[in-house]
């Protein structure tokens, strides 16, 4: 058995947990969640976790990172921390370390998760295929994307991507208006500008402008709360529009990857699961013109494992070191 620290660093939170890896089994301990804005660096956040753990932690770590991990200096997409892979082990006082993109870690979690860890969203109500290609995406502070291939006999390969940064593709006149509004501030508008937690602000402001209302700058967390509870009809319309754009992008990924299954992940997706099921997500997912019939045969799931990033980071460590 190998004991390690599993870490999942996003734009808003850094999560830490002890994990035990034994053969194909992974057991997770209690999760410590820290706000990235409360710490000057990853190292100071690590020191806080060590303090909370009684001063002693395993000398191995698996770190899932919200951003590319191949460079000499890792810069996070949505928070100001940096990590130098060559120095991270010595800085933390550990001997073994695995670094992986956060949605690469999610893909590892999808590969190992139980059928009960998924909620059916649309398409055939059947388990995800054990053989072939799966597209994995998830909105949060940003928009993560990964690709998973399974052999059918337990072997699998993960490809992390930066697919959330492809161009936003409008589908109707309201999407056109959202794009036009974003182009006033950004030379190039990626899909992450719309399909992410903060994206709800620009969606909401666009809808307000279309109705001739005052365009007010509001906090995205407040808009999500008002929109999902239904207490604010315009915020609810913005949430529904978000779900449409998420469905469109998920369908696009399925076509790009040649996927036999699609998995939506991320904390935001889980929090709005009931809204997502009642929205036009499924219709937009299928709306692919000549390929509507083909895309309609793809099962689409929401992963509901409580900590897929941590679980997947530990799984990536197991694949690399055991």
Protein backbone atom coordinates (compact mmCIF):
# COMPACT_ATOMS: atom_id res chain seq x y z
CA UNK A 1 0.00 0.00 0.00
CA UNK A 2 1.21 3.52 -0.84
CA UNK A 3 0.07 6.58 1.10
CA UNK A 4 0.20 9.99 -0.53
CA UNK A 5 -1.29 13.47 -0.45
CA UNK A 6 -3.80 14.07 -3.24
CA UNK A 7 -4.20 17.73 -4.24
CA UNK A 8 -6.63 19.43 -6.61
CA UNK A 9 -5.86 23.10 -7.35
CA UNK A 10 -8.50 25.12 -9.17
CA UNK A 11 -9.06 28.79 -9.75
CA UNK A 12 -10.93 29.30 -6.47
CA UNK A 13 -10.05 26.41 -4.15
CA UNK A 14 -7.17 24.07 -3.40
CA UNK A 15 -8.27 20.72 -1.99
CA UNK A 16 -6.01 18.34 -0.08
CA UNK A 17 -6.61 14.81 1.21
CA UNK A 18 -4.61 11.79 2.29
CA UNK A 19 -5.04 8.82 -0.03
CA UNK A 20 -4.12 5.15 0.19
CA UNK A 21 -3.40 3.29 -3.05
CA UNK A 22 -3.34 -0.49 -3.01
CA UNK A 23 -3.48 -2.32 -6.31
CA UNK A 24 -6.52 -0.98 -8.13
CA UNK A 25 -8.17 0.36 -4.96
CA UNK A 26 -7.99 3.99 -3.83
CA UNK A 27 -9.21 5.13 -0.41
CA UNK A 28 -9.59 8.84 0.29
CA UNK A 29 -9.36 10.57 3.66
CA UNK A 30 -11.04 13.75 4.87
CA UNK A 31 -10.80 16.70 2.49
CA UNK A 32 -9.24 20.02 3.50
CA UNK A 33 -10.49 22.85 1.25
CA UNK A 34 -8.58 26.14 1.17
CA UNK A 35 -9.33 29.36 -0.73
CA UNK A 36 -6.47 30.12 -3.13
CA UNK A 37 -6.88 33.85 -2.55
CA UNK A 38 -6.05 33.35 1.14
CA UNK A 39 -2.52 32.12 0.38
CA UNK A 40 0.41 33.76 -1.36
CA UNK A 41 1.56 30.53 -3.01
CA UNK A 42 0.96 26.83 -3.32
CA UNK A 43 3.77 26.20 -0.83
CA UNK A 44 2.14 28.28 1.90
CA UNK A 45 -1.17 26.48 1.28
CA UNK A 46 0.70 23.16 1.55
CA UNK A 47 2.21 24.27 4.86
CA UNK A 48 -1.29 25.05 6.16
CA UNK A 49 -2.46 21.56 5.18
CA UNK A 50 0.57 20.01 6.92
CA UNK A 51 -0.23 22.04 10.04
CA UNK A 52 -3.83 20.85 10.01
CA UNK A 53 -2.59 17.27 9.55
CA UNK A 54 -0.56 17.39 12.75
CA UNK A 55 2.77 18.32 11.18
CA UNK A 56 3.46 15.03 9.39
CA UNK A 57 2.31 13.93 5.94
CA UNK A 58 3.41 11.23 3.46
CA UNK A 59 6.48 11.91 1.31
CA UNK A 60 4.54 11.54 -1.92
CA UNK A 61 1.97 13.75 -3.63
CA UNK A 62 -0.29 13.82 -6.68
CA UNK A 63 -1.21 17.33 -7.80
CA UNK A 64 -4.03 18.13 -10.21
CA UNK A 65 -3.61 21.59 -11.70
CA UNK A 66 -6.09 23.85 -13.49
CA UNK A 67 -3.87 24.59 -16.47
CA UNK A 68 -1.17 23.08 -18.72
CA UNK A 69 1.55 21.14 -16.86
CA UNK A 70 4.25 20.65 -19.50
CA UNK A 71 6.29 23.84 -19.05
CA UNK A 72 9.24 24.63 -16.77
CA UNK A 73 7.02 27.13 -14.99
CA UNK A 74 3.34 26.30 -14.49
CA UNK A 75 1.06 29.32 -14.41
CA UNK A 76 -2.49 28.71 -13.30
CA UNK A 77 -5.20 29.77 -15.73
CA UNK A 78 -7.48 31.32 -13.09
CA UNK A 79 -5.33 32.07 -10.04
CA UNK A 80 -1.95 33.82 -9.52
CA UNK A 81 0.06 30.89 -8.16
CA UNK A 82 3.01 29.36 -10.02
CA UNK A 83 4.74 25.99 -9.69
CA UNK A 84 8.17 24.90 -10.94
CA UNK A 85 7.87 21.12 -11.52
CA UNK A 86 11.61 20.53 -11.16
CA UNK A 87 11.63 22.13 -7.71
CA UNK A 88 8.28 21.14 -6.26
CA UNK A 89 9.45 17.93 -4.53
CA UNK A 90 12.33 19.64 -2.72
CA UNK A 91 10.20 22.67 -1.80
CA UNK A 92 7.54 20.47 -0.22
CA UNK A 93 10.00 18.04 1.35
CA UNK A 94 8.67 14.97 -0.47
CA UNK A 95 10.26 12.23 -2.59
CA UNK A 96 7.67 11.39 -5.26
CA UNK A 97 5.34 13.72 -7.09
CA UNK A 98 2.87 13.39 -9.97
CA UNK A 99 1.66 16.53 -11.74
CA UNK A 100 -1.40 16.32 -13.95
CA UNK A 101 -3.89 18.70 -15.53
CA UNK A 102 -7.05 18.88 -13.42
CA UNK A 103 -9.27 17.48 -16.15
CA UNK A 104 -6.72 14.81 -16.88
CA UNK A 105 -7.28 13.84 -13.25
CA UNK A 106 -11.06 13.92 -13.78
CA UNK A 107 -10.60 11.55 -16.73
CA UNK A 108 -8.69 9.14 -14.47
CA UNK A 109 -11.61 9.35 -12.02
CA UNK A 110 -14.11 8.63 -14.80
CA UNK A 111 -12.06 5.60 -15.85
CA UNK A 112 -12.15 4.12 -12.34
CA UNK A 113 -15.49 5.35 -10.98
CA UNK A 114 -18.41 3.04 -10.25
CA UNK A 115 -21.61 3.21 -12.29
CA UNK A 116 -23.37 4.67 -9.23
CA UNK A 117 -21.05 7.69 -9.43
CA UNK A 118 -22.85 8.96 -12.55
CA UNK A 119 -26.19 10.68 -13.09
CA UNK A 120 -27.83 10.25 -16.50
CA UNK A 121 -28.37 13.54 -18.39
CA UNK A 122 -29.45 12.58 -21.90
CA UNK A 123 -29.05 10.10 -24.73
CA UNK A 124 -29.53 6.36 -24.18
CA UNK A 125 -30.03 5.60 -20.47
CA UNK A 126 -27.27 3.00 -20.31
CA UNK A 127 -23.84 2.76 -18.67
CA UNK A 128 -20.89 4.50 -20.27
CA UNK A 129 -19.12 2.15 -22.70
CA UNK A 130 -16.12 0.29 -21.30
CA UNK A 131 -14.45 0.37 -24.68
CA UNK A 132 -13.79 3.39 -26.88
CA UNK A 133 -13.59 7.15 -26.50
CA UNK A 134 -15.17 9.43 -23.90
CA UNK A 135 -15.27 13.23 -23.92
CA UNK A 136 -15.05 14.87 -20.50
CA UNK A 137 -15.82 18.53 -19.83
CA UNK A 138 -16.75 20.67 -16.90
CA UNK A 139 -17.53 24.30 -16.07
CA UNK A 140 -16.24 25.90 -12.89
CA UNK A 141 -14.04 28.95 -12.50
CA UNK A 142 -12.88 27.96 -16.00
CA UNK A 143 -13.87 25.24 -18.48
CA UNK A 144 -11.94 21.98 -18.44
CA UNK A 145 -11.75 19.36 -21.18
CA UNK A 146 -10.13 15.93 -21.44
CA UNK A 147 -10.31 12.82 -23.60
CA UNK A 148 -10.37 9.23 -22.32
CA UNK A 149 -9.80 6.04 -24.30
CA UNK A 150 -10.60 2.62 -22.78
CA UNK A 151 -9.51 -0.72 -24.19
CA UNK A 152 -12.36 -2.73 -22.70
CA UNK A 153 -10.09 -4.90 -20.53
CA UNK A 154 -9.22 -2.33 -17.86
CA UNK A 155 -6.44 -0.50 -19.69
CA UNK A 156 -7.02 3.17 -20.47
CA UNK A 157 -5.25 6.30 -21.66
CA UNK A 158 -5.95 9.92 -20.72
CA UNK A 159 -5.31 13.01 -22.82
CA UNK A 160 -5.69 16.35 -21.06
CA UNK A 161 -6.48 19.29 -23.34
CA UNK A 162 -7.16 23.02 -23.27
CA UNK A 163 -10.37 22.53 -25.26
CA UNK A 164 -12.22 25.09 -23.16
CA UNK A 165 -10.27 27.78 -24.98
CA UNK A 166 -11.58 27.07 -28.48
CA UNK A 167 -13.72 29.79 -30.07
CA UNK A 168 -17.25 30.32 -28.81
CA UNK A 169 -19.69 29.29 -31.57
CA UNK A 170 -23.03 31.13 -31.57
CA UNK A 171 -26.12 29.10 -32.49
CA UNK A 172 -28.88 31.73 -32.45
CA UNK A 173 -29.47 35.48 -32.24
CA UNK A 174 -29.06 35.63 -28.46
CA UNK A 175 -25.73 33.82 -28.73
CA UNK A 176 -24.77 36.39 -31.38
CA UNK A 177 -25.57 39.18 -28.90
CA UNK A 178 -23.51 37.50 -26.15
CA UNK A 179 -20.56 37.19 -28.52
CA UNK A 180 -20.89 40.82 -29.65
CA UNK A 181 -20.89 42.00 -26.03
CA UNK A 182 -17.79 39.96 -25.16
CA UNK A 183 -15.94 41.13 -28.28
CA UNK A 184 -16.01 44.67 -26.93
CA UNK A 185 -13.54 43.51 -24.23
CA UNK A 186 -11.76 40.54 -25.79
CA UNK A 187 -10.07 40.35 -29.19
CA UNK A 188 -10.88 36.63 -29.26
CA UNK A 189 -13.80 35.07 -27.37
CA UNK A 190 -13.27 31.52 -26.17
CA UNK A 191 -16.12 29.26 -25.14
CA UNK A 192 -14.83 29.51 -21.55
CA UNK A 193 -15.93 33.16 -21.52
CA UNK A 194 -19.53 31.90 -21.69
CA UNK A 195 -19.50 28.34 -20.35
CA UNK A 196 -17.97 28.90 -16.92
CA UNK A 197 -19.13 30.19 -13.56
CA UNK A 198 -18.14 33.83 -14.22
CA UNK A 199 -19.69 33.63 -17.70
CA UNK A 200 -23.16 33.99 -16.19
CA UNK A 201 -22.45 37.71 -15.65
CA UNK A 202 -22.08 38.50 -19.35
CA UNK A 203 -25.03 36.27 -20.24
CA UNK A 204 -27.19 38.10 -17.68
CA UNK A 205 -26.05 41.53 -18.86
CA UNK A 206 -26.74 40.62 -22.50
CA UNK A 207 -30.28 39.52 -21.67
CA UNK A 208 -30.85 42.71 -19.67
CA UNK A 209 -29.68 44.84 -22.61
CA UNK A 210 -31.90 42.94 -25.05
CA UNK A 211 -34.93 43.69 -22.85
CA UNK A 212 -33.97 47.37 -22.47
CA UNK A 213 -33.23 46.98 -18.77
CA UNK A 214 -30.42 48.69 -16.88
CA UNK A 215 -27.23 46.67 -17.20
CA UNK A 216 -25.89 46.25 -13.67
CA UNK A 217 -22.62 44.59 -12.65
CA UNK A 218 -23.54 41.76 -10.29
CA UNK A 219 -21.55 39.01 -8.61
CA UNK A 220 -21.66 35.68 -10.43
CA UNK A 221 -22.28 33.73 -7.21
CA UNK A 222 -25.34 35.88 -6.49
CA UNK A 223 -26.66 35.40 -10.03
CA UNK A 224 -26.29 31.62 -9.82
CA UNK A 225 -28.16 31.60 -6.51
CA UNK A 226 -30.99 33.76 -7.81
CA UNK A 227 -31.17 31.93 -11.10
CA UNK A 228 -31.27 28.40 -9.75
CA UNK A 229 -33.85 29.18 -7.05
CA UNK A 230 -36.08 31.01 -9.54
CA UNK A 231 -36.38 34.12 -7.37
CA UNK A 232 -35.11 36.29 -10.23
CA UNK A 233 -36.64 35.57 -13.65
CA UNK A 234 -33.86 37.25 -15.62
CA UNK A 235 -31.16 35.38 -13.69
CA UNK A 236 -33.12 32.16 -14.29
CA UNK A 237 -33.16 32.94 -18.02
CA UNK A 238 -29.38 33.46 -17.88
CA UNK A 239 -28.90 30.08 -16.20
CA UNK A 240 -31.06 28.41 -18.84
CA UNK A 241 -29.01 30.12 -21.58
CA UNK A 242 -25.84 28.86 -19.90
CA UNK A 243 -27.23 25.30 -19.99
CA UNK A 244 -27.96 25.67 -23.71
CA UNK A 245 -24.39 26.76 -24.43
CA UNK A 246 -23.02 23.93 -22.30
CA UNK A 247 -25.12 21.46 -24.29
CA UNK A 248 -23.89 22.88 -27.60
CA UNK A 249 -20.26 22.66 -26.55
CA UNK A 250 -20.66 19.13 -25.19
CA UNK A 251 -22.10 18.02 -28.52
CA UNK A 252 -19.28 19.73 -30.39
CA UNK A 253 -16.71 17.85 -28.30
CA UNK A 254 -18.45 14.55 -28.99
CA UNK A 255 -18.08 15.21 -32.72
CA UNK A 256 -14.45 16.33 -32.40
CA UNK A 257 -13.43 13.34 -30.28
CA UNK A 258 -15.58 10.76 -32.04
CA UNK A 259 -16.93 9.97 -28.59
CA UNK A 260 -19.03 6.98 -27.60
CA UNK A 261 -19.88 8.70 -24.31
CA UNK A 262 -19.74 12.16 -22.72
CA UNK A 263 -19.23 13.08 -19.07
CA UNK A 264 -19.94 16.49 -17.54
CA UNK A 265 -17.89 17.20 -14.41
CA UNK A 266 -16.98 20.13 -12.19
CA UNK A 267 -18.51 21.55 -9.05
CA UNK A 268 -20.80 23.91 -10.95
CA UNK A 269 -22.29 21.11 -13.04
CA UNK A 270 -23.07 19.17 -9.89
CA UNK A 271 -24.67 22.15 -8.14
CA UNK A 272 -27.02 22.87 -11.05
CA UNK A 273 -27.79 19.22 -11.88
CA UNK A 274 -31.56 19.59 -11.38
CA UNK A 275 -31.64 22.76 -13.48
CA UNK A 276 -29.51 21.07 -16.13
CA UNK A 277 -31.95 18.15 -16.40
CA UNK A 278 -34.92 20.50 -16.84
CA UNK A 279 -33.15 22.80 -19.32
CA UNK A 280 -32.58 22.67 -23.07
CA UNK A 281 -29.16 21.06 -22.58
CA UNK A 282 -30.18 17.78 -24.23
CA UNK A 283 -31.79 19.47 -27.22
CA UNK A 284 -28.72 21.62 -27.87
CA UNK A 285 -26.44 18.60 -27.41
CA UNK A 286 -28.27 16.79 -30.22
CA UNK A 287 -28.67 19.81 -32.51
CA UNK A 288 -25.83 18.95 -34.88
CA UNK A 289 -27.57 19.12 -38.25
CA UNK A 290 -26.82 16.09 -40.40
CA UNK A 291 -25.25 14.33 -37.41
CA UNK A 292 -28.18 14.78 -35.01
CA UNK A 293 -29.12 11.09 -35.19
CA UNK A 294 -25.56 9.98 -34.49
CA UNK A 295 -25.05 12.36 -31.56
CA UNK A 296 -28.44 11.36 -30.14
CA UNK A 297 -27.13 7.81 -29.62
CA UNK A 298 -24.39 8.97 -27.23
CA UNK A 299 -25.02 8.54 -23.47
CA UNK A 300 -24.27 11.72 -21.53
CA UNK A 301 -23.61 11.54 -17.79
CA UNK A 302 -22.82 13.87 -14.91
CA UNK A 303 -20.17 12.53 -12.54
CA UNK A 304 -21.41 12.85 -8.96
CA UNK A 305 -18.37 11.42 -7.16
CA UNK A 306 -17.78 13.90 -4.29
CA UNK A 307 -14.12 14.60 -5.15
CA UNK A 308 -13.25 13.36 -8.64
CA UNK A 309 -10.21 15.64 -8.93
CA UNK A 310 -8.56 14.23 -5.80
CA UNK A 311 -9.59 10.66 -6.62
CA UNK A 312 -8.27 11.04 -10.16
CA UNK A 313 -4.98 12.60 -9.03
CA UNK A 314 -4.40 9.59 -6.78
CA UNK A 315 -5.27 7.28 -9.69
CA UNK A 316 -2.76 9.09 -11.93
CA UNK A 317 -0.10 8.65 -9.24
CA UNK A 318 -0.92 4.94 -9.02
CA UNK A 319 -0.54 4.55 -12.80
CA UNK A 320 2.81 6.37 -12.77
CA UNK A 321 4.44 4.95 -9.65
CA UNK A 322 2.97 1.49 -8.97
